[in-house]
Amino acid sequence: MARTKKTYVNVSAAVANQIITLILTFVVRSIFIVTLGIFLQGIHALFLNVIFILSFIEVGIGMALVYKLYKPLADNNYKMISAYVKYMQKVYLLLAAIVFAAGLVIMPLMQFFIGDFATNSYITNSQLMIFYVLVLVSNIVTYLVSHKRAVLVADQKNYVLNIISIATVILLKGLQMIALLAMHNFYVFLAAQIVANAVSIIAIFLIYSKKYSHLKNFKSQRLSLDDKLDIRKKIRDILISRIGLTLTATSIAIVVSILMGASNLGVFSNYWLIITSLHALIGIVFDAITPSLGNLTAEASLVKRQEMFFKLHHINAFFATIFTAPVIVLLNPFVSLWTGYSFYAYTLMPYILGVYFYFIAMRKVLTIHIEANGIFNLYQWRTIVEAVFAIGLAVLLSHFFGLIGIVVAYIVSYLIWNLPLMIIAVVRKTMNVSTKKYLLRELLYLLIAAFTVIYFVLIGNLVNLHSWVMFFAMGISGVLLCALIFVLFTSWMPETKFFAKRCVNVLYKKLFRNK
């Protein structure tokens, strides 16, 4: 399958997976809030973020393995593929034991992460521990096939994983609905995740065994000492960089829980779900491109890579722009219509979250180049400084501005620490592109996004958004309007002309291929 076709198939499967997951998650969370309450919703969100921090090592190892497999897969070097997979299987098993042990060590501290635990006495500390262990176990079992999952990703077969994910998500959400509607039981709700993960593990194992059966002939292959030292260095570089990125991404929920309480976190997590879901939709396109980009990096000239970089930068700005204004205008009405809980008292909250959404969405083009080129060592330590700075500033600003201050702290931290480092690592040192040229393009995209926000906010103030019909009408029209504004304001740019031509060609083939 050609690189472009593989990317298209991967993106299509990922979009389907994300949409199905998102819809079912909204449905289940609605039922959860009605049956079990916002406090338990906050506890669940807290545990998921704590476990994600514990498992950041797995992300680093997976990225390192995928990066190291690009060349052996391209060269059909089965001996090297088998050696890497065998070695990483042992690493993942060791990692599972370490994460499980670390999870048990911090388990007694969970009640101190919940600012309003004492005022919600219907949950005992023993119950809290059981809830936590169930979430921990559901995460640990996924490590059993992580090495096999990495091979499928590196081989540009993400669509296989997405199909498996769709099936297991449908199973999971079905079981969780039964647990909520028929039993009103949080234990069963959490146990359903373990069952779904077990089904996913079996599916990945069977598919991997069939697609890569030829690797069985190379079981005796082992990595050389130099190869082991090289991948260990790559893992170390990734882990150091991922510590800061993971803490920054997940600690906001923990900070909100400690300072504002689990009930406030329960409400905030509904907003956060929307922001992260939209980020995931944007990420689908770029994550599917990453393996192809890795291959392109190994094969193409610098000029061609620079052209691709600016095309990806342009499409990144397009997606960030078309969603930012609708997020700001529709966030509060959506959460209120969906759950009945919202932060209408915080009039600035949608604007702050909209700003956060835009800047984090815009960094996607930088992160995929870091992953595809394996340049984690260029900014690794400073991401930790960013995370510490964000947490410290969040604690300080929360005393003056409450929840809004916490979100502002993470925005400031990203702009001061993360963004400049990523620009240096990717734009200047890897792509050899003029920093001035890149920043001018960033400024242009930011001004266009700001114009769409102002325009759409003015329209939103004229519309009553207290019904689902009006909400969806505004959402669809808002995305289309922002897309039109972006295309008009960038119509002179070669990237817009390129994508417009591609779209016309695709439509022409679809309409006239049978004539």
Protein backbone atom coordinates (compact mmCIF):
# COMPACT_ATOMS: atom_id res chain seq x y z
CA MET A 1 0.00 0.00 0.00
CA ALA A 2 1.45 3.41 -0.99
CA ARG A 3 2.42 5.89 1.72
CA THR A 4 -0.41 8.33 0.84
CA LYS A 5 -3.02 5.59 0.75
CA LYS A 6 -1.83 4.19 4.08
CA THR A 7 -2.12 7.64 5.62
CA TYR A 8 -5.64 8.07 4.21
CA VAL A 9 -6.76 4.67 5.56
CA ASN A 10 -5.19 5.36 8.96
CA VAL A 11 -6.81 8.79 9.20
CA SER A 12 -10.24 7.46 8.17
CA ALA A 13 -10.13 4.67 10.74
CA ALA A 14 -8.86 7.03 13.43
CA VAL A 15 -11.59 9.59 12.75
CA ALA A 16 -14.26 6.90 12.94
CA ASN A 17 -12.75 5.62 16.17
CA GLN A 18 -12.58 9.08 17.72
CA ILE A 19 -16.13 10.05 16.74
CA ILE A 20 -17.64 6.79 18.03
CA THR A 21 -15.61 7.01 21.25
CA LEU A 22 -16.56 10.64 21.75
CA ILE A 23 -20.29 10.10 21.25
CA LEU A 24 -20.40 7.05 23.54
CA THR A 25 -18.28 8.83 26.16
CA PHE A 26 -20.71 11.76 26.24
CA VAL A 27 -23.64 9.36 26.62
CA VAL A 28 -22.01 7.35 29.41
CA ARG A 29 -20.83 10.45 31.26
CA SER A 30 -24.35 11.90 31.15
CA ILE A 31 -25.70 8.71 32.71
CA PHE A 32 -22.83 8.65 35.20
CA ILE A 33 -23.54 12.16 36.50
CA VAL A 34 -27.25 11.39 36.92
CA THR A 35 -26.75 8.01 38.62
CA LEU A 36 -23.53 8.40 40.65
CA GLY A 37 -23.04 12.16 40.88
CA ILE A 38 -20.46 14.80 40.03
CA PHE A 39 -18.20 13.99 43.03
CA LEU A 40 -17.48 10.43 41.84
CA GLN A 41 -17.01 11.82 38.34
CA GLY A 42 -14.29 14.04 39.74
CA ILE A 43 -12.64 11.12 41.56
CA HIS A 44 -12.64 9.07 38.35
CA ALA A 45 -11.05 11.95 36.44
CA LEU A 46 -8.42 12.36 39.17
CA PHE A 47 -7.46 8.68 39.16
CA LEU A 48 -7.16 8.58 35.38
CA ASN A 49 -4.74 11.52 35.47
CA VAL A 50 -2.68 10.06 38.31
CA ILE A 51 -2.35 6.73 36.48
CA PHE A 52 -1.46 8.53 33.26
CA ILE A 53 1.42 10.25 35.05
CA LEU A 54 2.63 6.90 36.38
CA SER A 55 2.51 5.37 32.92
CA PHE A 56 4.32 8.17 31.07
CA ILE A 57 7.32 5.81 30.82
CA GLU A 58 5.29 3.48 28.60
CA VAL A 59 4.65 6.35 26.17
CA GLY A 60 8.36 7.06 25.97
CA ILE A 61 9.30 3.46 25.37
CA GLY A 62 6.62 3.06 22.71
CA MET A 63 7.80 6.15 20.85
CA ALA A 64 11.41 4.98 20.98
CA LEU A 65 10.51 1.52 19.67
CA VAL A 66 8.39 2.92 16.84
CA TYR A 67 11.23 5.24 15.83
CA LYS A 68 13.79 2.40 15.85
CA LEU A 69 11.51 0.14 13.78
CA TYR A 70 11.04 2.53 10.85
CA LYS A 71 14.23 1.54 9.05
CA PRO A 72 14.12 -2.26 9.69
CA LEU A 73 10.51 -2.36 8.45
CA ALA A 74 11.39 -0.32 5.36
CA ASP A 75 14.33 -2.67 4.64
CA ASN A 76 12.38 -5.86 5.52
CA ASN A 77 15.10 -6.63 8.04
CA TYR A 78 13.18 -9.30 9.93
CA LYS A 79 16.12 -10.23 12.12
CA MET A 80 16.41 -6.72 13.49
CA ILE A 81 12.62 -6.34 13.88
CA SER A 82 12.41 -9.58 15.85
CA ALA A 83 15.37 -8.60 18.01
CA TYR A 84 13.85 -5.22 18.89
CA VAL A 85 10.43 -6.72 19.66
CA LYS A 86 11.93 -9.45 21.85
CA TYR A 87 14.01 -6.96 23.79
CA MET A 88 11.15 -4.50 24.26
CA GLN A 89 8.80 -7.23 25.44
CA LYS A 90 11.08 -7.77 28.43
CA VAL A 91 11.28 -4.02 29.01
CA TYR A 92 7.50 -3.66 29.02
CA LEU A 93 7.03 -6.51 31.51
CA LEU A 94 9.56 -4.89 33.83
CA LEU A 95 7.81 -1.56 33.36
CA ALA A 96 4.42 -3.06 34.24
CA ALA A 97 5.84 -4.32 37.53
CA ILE A 98 7.44 -0.94 38.31
CA VAL A 99 4.30 1.07 37.53
CA PHE A 100 2.11 -1.30 39.56
CA ALA A 101 4.47 -1.06 42.54
CA ALA A 102 4.67 2.73 42.26
CA GLY A 103 0.89 2.90 42.05
CA LEU A 104 0.52 0.90 45.25
CA VAL A 105 3.08 3.06 47.03
CA ILE A 106 1.15 6.30 46.39
CA MET A 107 -2.25 4.70 46.98
CA PRO A 108 -2.51 5.83 50.65
CA LEU A 109 -2.05 9.43 49.50
CA MET A 110 -5.11 9.51 47.25
CA GLN A 111 -7.45 11.05 49.82
CA PHE A 112 -5.08 14.00 50.19
CA PHE A 113 -5.42 14.71 46.45
CA ILE A 114 -9.14 15.39 46.96
CA GLY A 115 -9.71 18.81 48.52
CA ASP A 116 -13.35 18.12 49.48
CA PHE A 117 -12.97 14.45 50.49
CA ALA A 118 -13.83 15.14 54.13
CA THR A 119 -17.12 16.82 53.18
CA ASN A 120 -18.25 13.82 51.12
CA SER A 121 -18.29 11.22 53.88
CA TYR A 122 -20.42 8.73 51.94
CA ILE A 123 -17.18 7.53 50.31
CA THR A 124 -14.87 5.74 52.76
CA ASN A 125 -11.10 5.58 52.43
CA SER A 126 -11.31 1.80 51.87
CA GLN A 127 -13.74 2.28 48.98
CA LEU A 128 -11.46 4.94 47.55
CA MET A 129 -8.54 2.48 47.58
CA ILE A 130 -10.54 -0.22 45.77
CA PHE A 131 -11.63 2.29 43.12
CA TYR A 132 -8.01 3.28 42.62
CA VAL A 133 -6.71 -0.30 42.35
CA LEU A 134 -9.30 -1.14 39.69
CA VAL A 135 -8.20 1.85 37.60
CA LEU A 136 -4.54 0.92 38.12
CA VAL A 137 -5.03 -2.72 37.05
CA SER A 138 -7.02 -1.71 33.95
CA ASN A 139 -4.00 0.33 32.86
CA ILE A 140 -1.31 -2.23 33.71
CA VAL A 141 -2.79 -5.08 31.65
CA THR A 142 -2.40 -3.07 28.43
CA TYR A 143 1.40 -3.37 28.74
CA LEU A 144 1.22 -7.04 27.80
CA VAL A 145 0.92 -6.25 24.09
CA SER A 146 2.49 -2.79 23.92
CA HIS A 147 5.48 -4.11 21.96
CA LYS A 148 3.15 -5.66 19.38
CA ARG A 149 1.12 -2.46 19.17
CA ALA A 150 4.32 -0.50 18.44
CA VAL A 151 5.12 -2.75 15.45
CA LEU A 152 1.68 -2.12 13.94
CA VAL A 153 2.10 1.65 14.39
CA ALA A 154 5.59 1.71 12.87
CA ASP A 155 4.34 -0.42 9.97
CA GLN A 156 1.60 2.19 9.28
CA LYS A 157 -1.18 -0.18 10.30
CA ASN A 158 -2.81 2.15 12.81
CA TYR A 159 -6.15 1.37 11.17
CA VAL A 160 -5.96 -2.15 12.63
CA LEU A 161 -5.58 -0.76 16.13
CA ASN A 162 -8.41 1.71 15.53
CA ILE A 163 -10.77 -1.02 14.35
CA ILE A 164 -9.96 -3.01 17.48
CA SER A 165 -10.47 0.14 19.55
CA ILE A 166 -13.91 0.77 18.01
CA ALA A 167 -15.05 -2.76 18.87
CA THR A 168 -13.72 -2.65 22.43
CA VAL A 169 -15.07 0.86 23.07
CA ILE A 170 -18.56 -0.26 22.04
CA LEU A 171 -18.19 -3.25 24.38
CA LEU A 172 -16.83 -1.07 27.20
CA LYS A 173 -19.51 1.61 27.00
CA GLY A 174 -22.22 -1.05 26.80
CA LEU A 175 -20.93 -2.71 29.97
CA GLN A 176 -20.60 0.65 31.70
CA MET A 177 -24.19 1.59 30.81
CA ILE A 178 -25.37 -1.68 32.36
CA ALA A 179 -23.29 -0.96 35.47
CA LEU A 180 -24.83 2.50 35.80
CA LEU A 181 -28.44 1.94 34.77
CA ALA A 182 -29.07 -1.55 36.10
CA MET A 183 -26.72 -1.63 39.11
CA HIS A 184 -25.75 1.96 39.98
CA ASN A 185 -22.40 0.42 40.86
CA PHE A 186 -19.06 2.21 40.53
CA TYR A 187 -17.09 -1.00 41.15
CA VAL A 188 -18.66 -2.72 38.15
CA PHE A 189 -18.23 0.46 36.10
CA LEU A 190 -14.47 0.36 36.72
CA ALA A 191 -14.19 -3.40 36.28
CA ALA A 192 -15.74 -3.07 32.81
CA GLN A 193 -12.55 -1.30 31.69
CA ILE A 194 -10.47 -4.34 32.68
CA VAL A 195 -12.74 -6.64 30.69
CA ALA A 196 -12.62 -4.40 27.60
CA ASN A 197 -8.82 -4.11 27.81
CA ALA A 198 -8.53 -7.89 28.06
CA VAL A 199 -10.58 -8.29 24.87
CA SER A 200 -8.37 -5.71 23.14
CA ILE A 201 -5.22 -7.56 24.23
CA ILE A 202 -6.48 -10.84 22.80
CA ALA A 203 -7.42 -9.19 19.50
CA ILE A 204 -4.03 -7.49 19.11
CA PHE A 205 -2.22 -10.72 19.98
CA LEU A 206 -4.15 -12.73 17.38
CA ILE A 207 -3.79 -10.15 14.59
CA TYR A 208 -0.09 -9.61 15.28
CA SER A 209 0.55 -13.36 15.29
CA LYS A 210 -1.13 -13.67 11.88
CA LYS A 211 0.38 -10.60 10.17
CA TYR A 212 3.91 -11.14 11.47
CA SER A 213 4.06 -14.91 11.67
CA HIS A 214 7.34 -14.82 9.73
CA LEU A 215 9.04 -13.24 12.74
CA LYS A 216 8.74 -16.57 14.55
CA ASN A 217 11.62 -17.79 12.40
CA PHE A 218 13.92 -15.25 14.04
CA LYS A 219 13.13 -15.83 17.72
CA SER A 220 16.77 -16.45 18.54
CA GLN A 221 17.84 -12.99 17.32
CA ARG A 222 19.18 -10.66 19.98
CA LEU A 223 20.18 -7.01 19.90
CA SER A 224 23.87 -6.20 20.02
CA LEU A 225 25.22 -4.25 22.95
CA ASP A 226 25.51 -1.13 20.78
CA ASP A 227 21.87 -1.44 19.69
CA LYS A 228 20.75 -1.86 23.30
CA LEU A 229 22.76 1.16 24.41
CA ASP A 230 21.35 3.18 21.51
CA ILE A 231 17.70 2.40 22.25
CA ARG A 232 18.28 2.94 25.97
CA LYS A 233 19.64 6.39 25.19
CA LYS A 234 16.65 7.10 22.96
CA ILE A 235 14.26 5.95 25.68
CA ARG A 236 16.10 8.05 28.27
CA ASP A 237 15.90 11.15 26.07
CA ILE A 238 12.20 10.60 25.42
CA LEU A 239 11.43 9.90 29.07
CA ILE A 240 13.14 13.05 30.28
CA SER A 241 11.20 15.12 27.76
CA ARG A 242 7.95 13.25 28.43
CA ILE A 243 8.16 13.75 32.21
CA GLY A 244 7.61 17.46 31.77
CA LEU A 245 5.07 17.11 28.96
CA THR A 246 3.07 14.50 30.88
CA LEU A 247 3.11 16.48 34.12
CA THR A 248 2.00 19.60 32.25
CA ALA A 249 -0.82 17.78 30.47
CA THR A 250 -2.21 15.88 33.46
CA SER A 251 -1.26 17.80 36.58
CA ILE A 252 -3.91 20.46 35.92
CA ALA A 253 -6.62 17.98 36.97
CA ILE A 254 -4.69 17.04 40.11
CA VAL A 255 -4.10 20.70 40.99
CA VAL A 256 -7.81 21.47 40.51
CA SER A 257 -8.75 18.50 42.72
CA ILE A 258 -6.36 19.46 45.52
CA LEU A 259 -7.13 23.19 45.52
CA MET A 260 -10.77 23.26 44.38
CA GLY A 261 -12.08 19.80 45.32
CA ALA A 262 -13.29 16.73 43.39
CA SER A 263 -16.73 18.23 42.78
CA ASN A 264 -15.23 21.22 40.95
CA LEU A 265 -12.92 18.82 39.12
CA GLY A 266 -15.99 16.82 38.08
CA VAL A 267 -17.46 19.91 36.41
CA PHE A 268 -14.10 21.03 35.02
CA SER A 269 -13.44 17.55 33.60
CA ASN A 270 -16.52 17.96 31.38
CA TYR A 271 -14.97 21.08 29.85
CA TRP A 272 -11.61 19.35 29.67
CA LEU A 273 -13.15 16.38 27.86
CA ILE A 274 -14.37 18.68 25.08
CA ILE A 275 -11.00 20.42 24.75
CA THR A 276 -9.02 17.18 24.73
CA SER A 277 -11.48 15.51 22.34
CA LEU A 278 -11.09 18.30 19.81
CA HIS A 279 -7.32 18.13 20.24
CA ALA A 280 -7.56 14.40 19.60
CA LEU A 281 -9.54 14.99 16.39
CA ILE A 282 -6.82 17.32 15.15
CA GLY A 283 -4.16 14.91 16.37
CA ILE A 284 -5.66 12.06 14.38
CA VAL A 285 -4.56 13.61 11.10
CA PHE A 286 -1.06 14.33 12.32
CA ASP A 287 -0.53 11.10 14.28
CA ALA A 288 -1.44 9.12 11.18
CA ILE A 289 1.11 11.15 9.22
CA THR A 290 3.96 10.62 11.71
CA PRO A 291 5.08 7.17 10.44
CA SER A 292 5.00 8.44 6.85
CA LEU A 293 6.91 11.51 7.99
CA GLY A 294 9.47 9.24 9.61
CA ASN A 295 9.96 7.44 6.32
CA LEU A 296 10.10 10.76 4.45
CA THR A 297 12.77 12.01 6.84
CA ALA A 298 14.93 9.00 6.04
CA GLU A 299 14.45 9.21 2.25
CA ALA A 300 13.70 12.81 1.12
CA SER A 301 15.89 15.87 0.60
CA LEU A 302 15.87 18.80 3.01
CA VAL A 303 14.00 21.01 0.50
CA LYS A 304 11.19 18.49 0.17
CA ARG A 305 10.99 18.10 3.93
CA GLN A 306 10.76 21.88 4.35
CA GLU A 307 7.91 22.06 1.83
CA MET A 308 6.08 19.33 3.73
CA PHE A 309 6.68 21.14 7.02
CA PHE A 310 4.99 24.34 5.83
CA LYS A 311 2.08 22.40 4.33
CA LEU A 312 1.53 20.64 7.64
CA HIS A 313 1.91 23.94 9.50
CA HIS A 314 -0.79 25.44 7.28
CA ILE A 315 -3.26 22.60 7.75
CA ASN A 316 -2.52 22.67 11.50
CA ALA A 317 -3.46 26.35 11.60
CA PHE A 318 -6.62 25.66 9.61
CA PHE A 319 -7.92 23.09 12.10
CA ALA A 320 -6.92 25.17 15.13
CA THR A 321 -8.70 28.23 13.69
CA ILE A 322 -11.99 26.60 12.69
CA PHE A 323 -12.50 25.13 16.18
CA THR A 324 -11.28 27.96 18.45
CA ALA A 325 -14.17 30.40 17.91
CA PRO A 326 -16.89 27.70 18.27
CA VAL A 327 -15.18 26.48 21.45
CA ILE A 328 -15.32 29.94 23.00
CA VAL A 329 -18.94 30.63 22.03
CA LEU A 330 -20.45 27.18 22.49
CA LEU A 331 -18.53 25.67 25.42
CA ASN A 332 -20.76 26.89 28.26
CA PRO A 333 -24.07 26.25 26.43
CA PHE A 334 -22.95 22.74 25.49
CA VAL A 335 -21.90 21.71 29.01
CA SER A 336 -25.08 23.22 30.45
CA LEU A 337 -27.32 21.43 27.93
CA TRP A 338 -25.40 18.19 28.32
CA THR A 339 -24.90 17.83 32.08
CA GLY A 340 -26.75 20.69 33.74
CA TYR A 341 -23.47 21.70 35.42
CA SER A 342 -21.47 24.60 34.02
CA PHE A 343 -19.17 27.48 34.91
CA TYR A 344 -21.49 30.25 33.74
CA ALA A 345 -20.37 32.15 36.85
CA TYR A 346 -16.89 32.32 35.28
CA THR A 347 -17.62 34.49 32.24
CA LEU A 348 -13.97 34.36 31.16
CA MET A 349 -13.65 30.57 31.40
CA PRO A 350 -14.62 29.79 27.74
CA TYR A 351 -12.21 32.47 26.51
CA ILE A 352 -9.33 31.16 28.63
CA LEU A 353 -9.96 27.59 27.56
CA GLY A 354 -10.29 28.75 23.95
CA VAL A 355 -6.86 30.39 24.12
CA TYR A 356 -5.42 27.26 25.70
CA PHE A 357 -7.02 25.13 22.99
CA TYR A 358 -5.58 27.24 20.17
CA PHE A 359 -1.98 27.29 21.37
CA ILE A 360 -1.87 23.58 22.25
CA ALA A 361 -3.52 22.68 18.93
CA MET A 362 -0.97 24.76 17.03
CA ARG A 363 2.00 22.85 18.45
CA LYS A 364 0.95 19.58 16.81
CA VAL A 365 3.06 20.19 13.70
CA LEU A 366 6.09 20.65 15.96
CA THR A 367 5.49 17.55 18.09
CA ILE A 368 5.11 15.20 15.14
CA HIS A 369 8.42 16.43 13.69
CA ILE A 370 10.10 15.85 17.04
CA GLU A 371 8.70 12.30 17.14
CA ALA A 372 9.41 11.53 13.48
CA ASN A 373 13.00 12.80 13.72
CA GLY A 374 13.71 11.43 17.18
CA ILE A 375 15.11 14.76 18.44
CA PHE A 376 13.82 14.51 22.01
CA ASN A 377 17.24 15.30 23.46
CA LEU A 378 17.19 18.86 22.10
CA TYR A 379 14.69 20.12 24.66
CA GLN A 380 14.29 17.31 27.17
CA TRP A 381 15.27 18.86 30.51
CA ARG A 382 13.49 22.14 30.05
CA THR A 383 10.07 20.48 29.76
CA ILE A 384 10.48 19.46 33.40
CA VAL A 385 11.17 23.09 34.29
CA GLU A 386 8.01 24.03 32.37
CA ALA A 387 5.92 21.56 34.37
CA VAL A 388 7.29 22.71 37.73
CA PHE A 389 6.81 26.35 36.72
CA ALA A 390 3.21 25.67 35.61
CA ILE A 391 2.28 23.89 38.84
CA GLY A 392 3.90 26.57 41.03
CA LEU A 393 2.26 29.41 39.11
CA ALA A 394 -1.10 27.59 39.19
CA VAL A 395 -0.97 27.33 42.98
CA LEU A 396 -0.12 31.03 43.22
CA LEU A 397 -2.73 32.32 40.76
CA SER A 398 -5.47 30.06 42.16
CA HIS A 399 -5.41 32.10 45.38
CA PHE A 400 -6.24 35.26 43.43
CA PHE A 401 -8.31 34.07 40.46
CA GLY A 402 -9.50 30.59 41.41
CA LEU A 403 -9.98 28.06 38.64
CA ILE A 404 -9.29 30.61 35.88
CA GLY A 405 -5.92 31.35 37.44
CA ILE A 406 -4.95 27.66 37.23
CA VAL A 407 -5.68 27.49 33.50
CA VAL A 408 -3.90 30.81 32.84
CA ALA A 409 -0.82 29.46 34.61
CA TYR A 410 -0.56 26.55 32.18
CA ILE A 411 -0.97 28.86 29.17
CA VAL A 412 1.78 31.19 30.40
CA SER A 413 4.06 28.26 31.16
CA TYR A 414 3.64 26.86 27.65
CA LEU A 415 4.32 30.20 25.95
CA ILE A 416 7.38 30.95 28.09
CA TRP A 417 9.03 27.52 28.19
CA ASN A 418 7.67 24.92 25.79
CA LEU A 419 6.92 26.85 22.61
CA PRO A 420 10.33 28.57 22.25
CA LEU A 421 12.15 25.29 22.86
CA MET A 422 10.08 23.39 20.31
CA ILE A 423 10.65 26.13 17.72
CA ILE A 424 14.41 25.95 18.28
CA ALA A 425 14.44 22.13 18.14
CA VAL A 426 12.28 21.75 15.03
CA VAL A 427 12.32 24.96 13.00
CA ARG A 428 15.92 26.05 13.43
CA LYS A 429 17.94 22.91 14.15
CA THR A 430 16.01 20.18 12.33
CA MET A 431 14.25 21.82 9.39
CA ASN A 432 16.84 24.59 8.93
CA VAL A 433 14.03 27.09 8.36
CA SER A 434 14.23 30.80 9.17
CA THR A 435 12.79 31.39 12.63
CA LYS A 436 11.59 34.83 11.50
CA LYS A 437 9.66 33.30 8.61
CA TYR A 438 8.04 30.75 10.90
CA LEU A 439 7.07 33.37 13.53
CA LEU A 440 5.58 35.69 10.90
CA ARG A 441 3.40 32.82 9.68
CA GLU A 442 2.41 32.09 13.29
CA LEU A 443 1.44 35.73 13.77
CA LEU A 444 -0.64 35.71 10.60
CA TYR A 445 -2.49 32.57 11.67
CA LEU A 446 -3.05 34.05 15.16
CA LEU A 447 -4.53 37.26 13.72
CA ILE A 448 -6.88 35.26 11.48
CA ALA A 449 -7.97 33.14 14.46
CA ALA A 450 -8.55 36.30 16.54
CA PHE A 451 -10.69 37.80 13.78
CA THR A 452 -12.84 34.64 13.57
CA VAL A 453 -13.31 34.71 17.35
CA ILE A 454 -14.43 38.36 17.42
CA TYR A 455 -16.75 37.85 14.46
CA PHE A 456 -18.33 34.66 15.81
CA VAL A 457 -18.70 36.02 19.35
CA LEU A 458 -20.67 38.98 17.98
CA ILE A 459 -22.95 36.57 16.12
CA GLY A 460 -23.26 34.32 19.18
CA ASN A 461 -24.45 37.21 21.34
CA LEU A 462 -27.45 37.60 19.05
CA VAL A 463 -28.56 33.98 19.27
CA ASN A 464 -30.39 32.08 22.02
CA LEU A 465 -28.39 28.87 22.58
CA HIS A 466 -30.66 27.17 25.09
CA SER A 467 -31.80 24.40 22.75
CA TRP A 468 -29.94 21.58 21.00
CA VAL A 469 -31.29 22.64 17.60
CA MET A 470 -29.80 26.11 17.87
CA PHE A 471 -26.61 24.72 19.36
CA PHE A 472 -25.94 22.35 16.45
CA ALA A 473 -26.96 25.00 13.92
CA MET A 474 -24.46 27.45 15.45
CA GLY A 475 -21.77 24.78 15.73
CA ILE A 476 -21.96 23.70 12.09
CA SER A 477 -22.30 27.24 10.74
CA GLY A 478 -19.48 28.42 13.01
CA VAL A 479 -17.00 25.82 11.77
CA LEU A 480 -17.94 26.51 8.13
CA LEU A 481 -17.75 30.28 8.63
CA CYS A 482 -14.32 30.08 10.28
CA ALA A 483 -13.10 27.76 7.51
CA LEU A 484 -14.29 30.22 4.86
CA ILE A 485 -12.59 33.15 6.61
CA PHE A 486 -9.33 31.21 6.90
CA VAL A 487 -9.34 30.23 3.22
CA LEU A 488 -10.16 33.78 2.09
CA PHE A 489 -7.46 35.36 4.24
CA THR A 490 -4.82 32.83 3.11
CA SER A 491 -5.91 32.46 -0.53
CA TRP A 492 -2.66 34.09 -1.68
CA MET A 493 -0.49 31.48 0.09
CA PRO A 494 0.94 28.55 -1.93
CA GLU A 495 -0.23 26.06 0.71
CA THR A 496 -3.87 27.11 0.31
CA LYS A 497 -3.56 26.85 -3.47
CA PHE A 498 -1.98 23.40 -3.10
CA PHE A 499 -4.73 22.00 -0.86
CA ALA A 500 -7.47 23.66 -2.96
CA LYS A 501 -6.08 21.98 -6.07
CA ARG A 502 -5.91 18.62 -4.29
CA CYS A 503 -9.51 18.94 -3.11
CA VAL A 504 -10.70 19.82 -6.62
CA ASN A 505 -8.83 16.84 -8.08
CA VAL A 506 -10.32 14.47 -5.52
CA LEU A 507 -13.85 15.76 -6.14
CA TYR A 508 -13.37 15.52 -9.91
CA LYS A 509 -12.25 11.90 -9.65
CA LYS A 510 -15.15 11.04 -7.35
CA LEU A 511 -17.74 12.69 -9.60
CA PHE A 512 -16.45 11.67 -13.02
CA ARG A 513 -14.43 8.49 -12.54
CA ASN A 514 -17.30 6.36 -13.86
CA LYS A 515 -17.97 8.56 -16.88
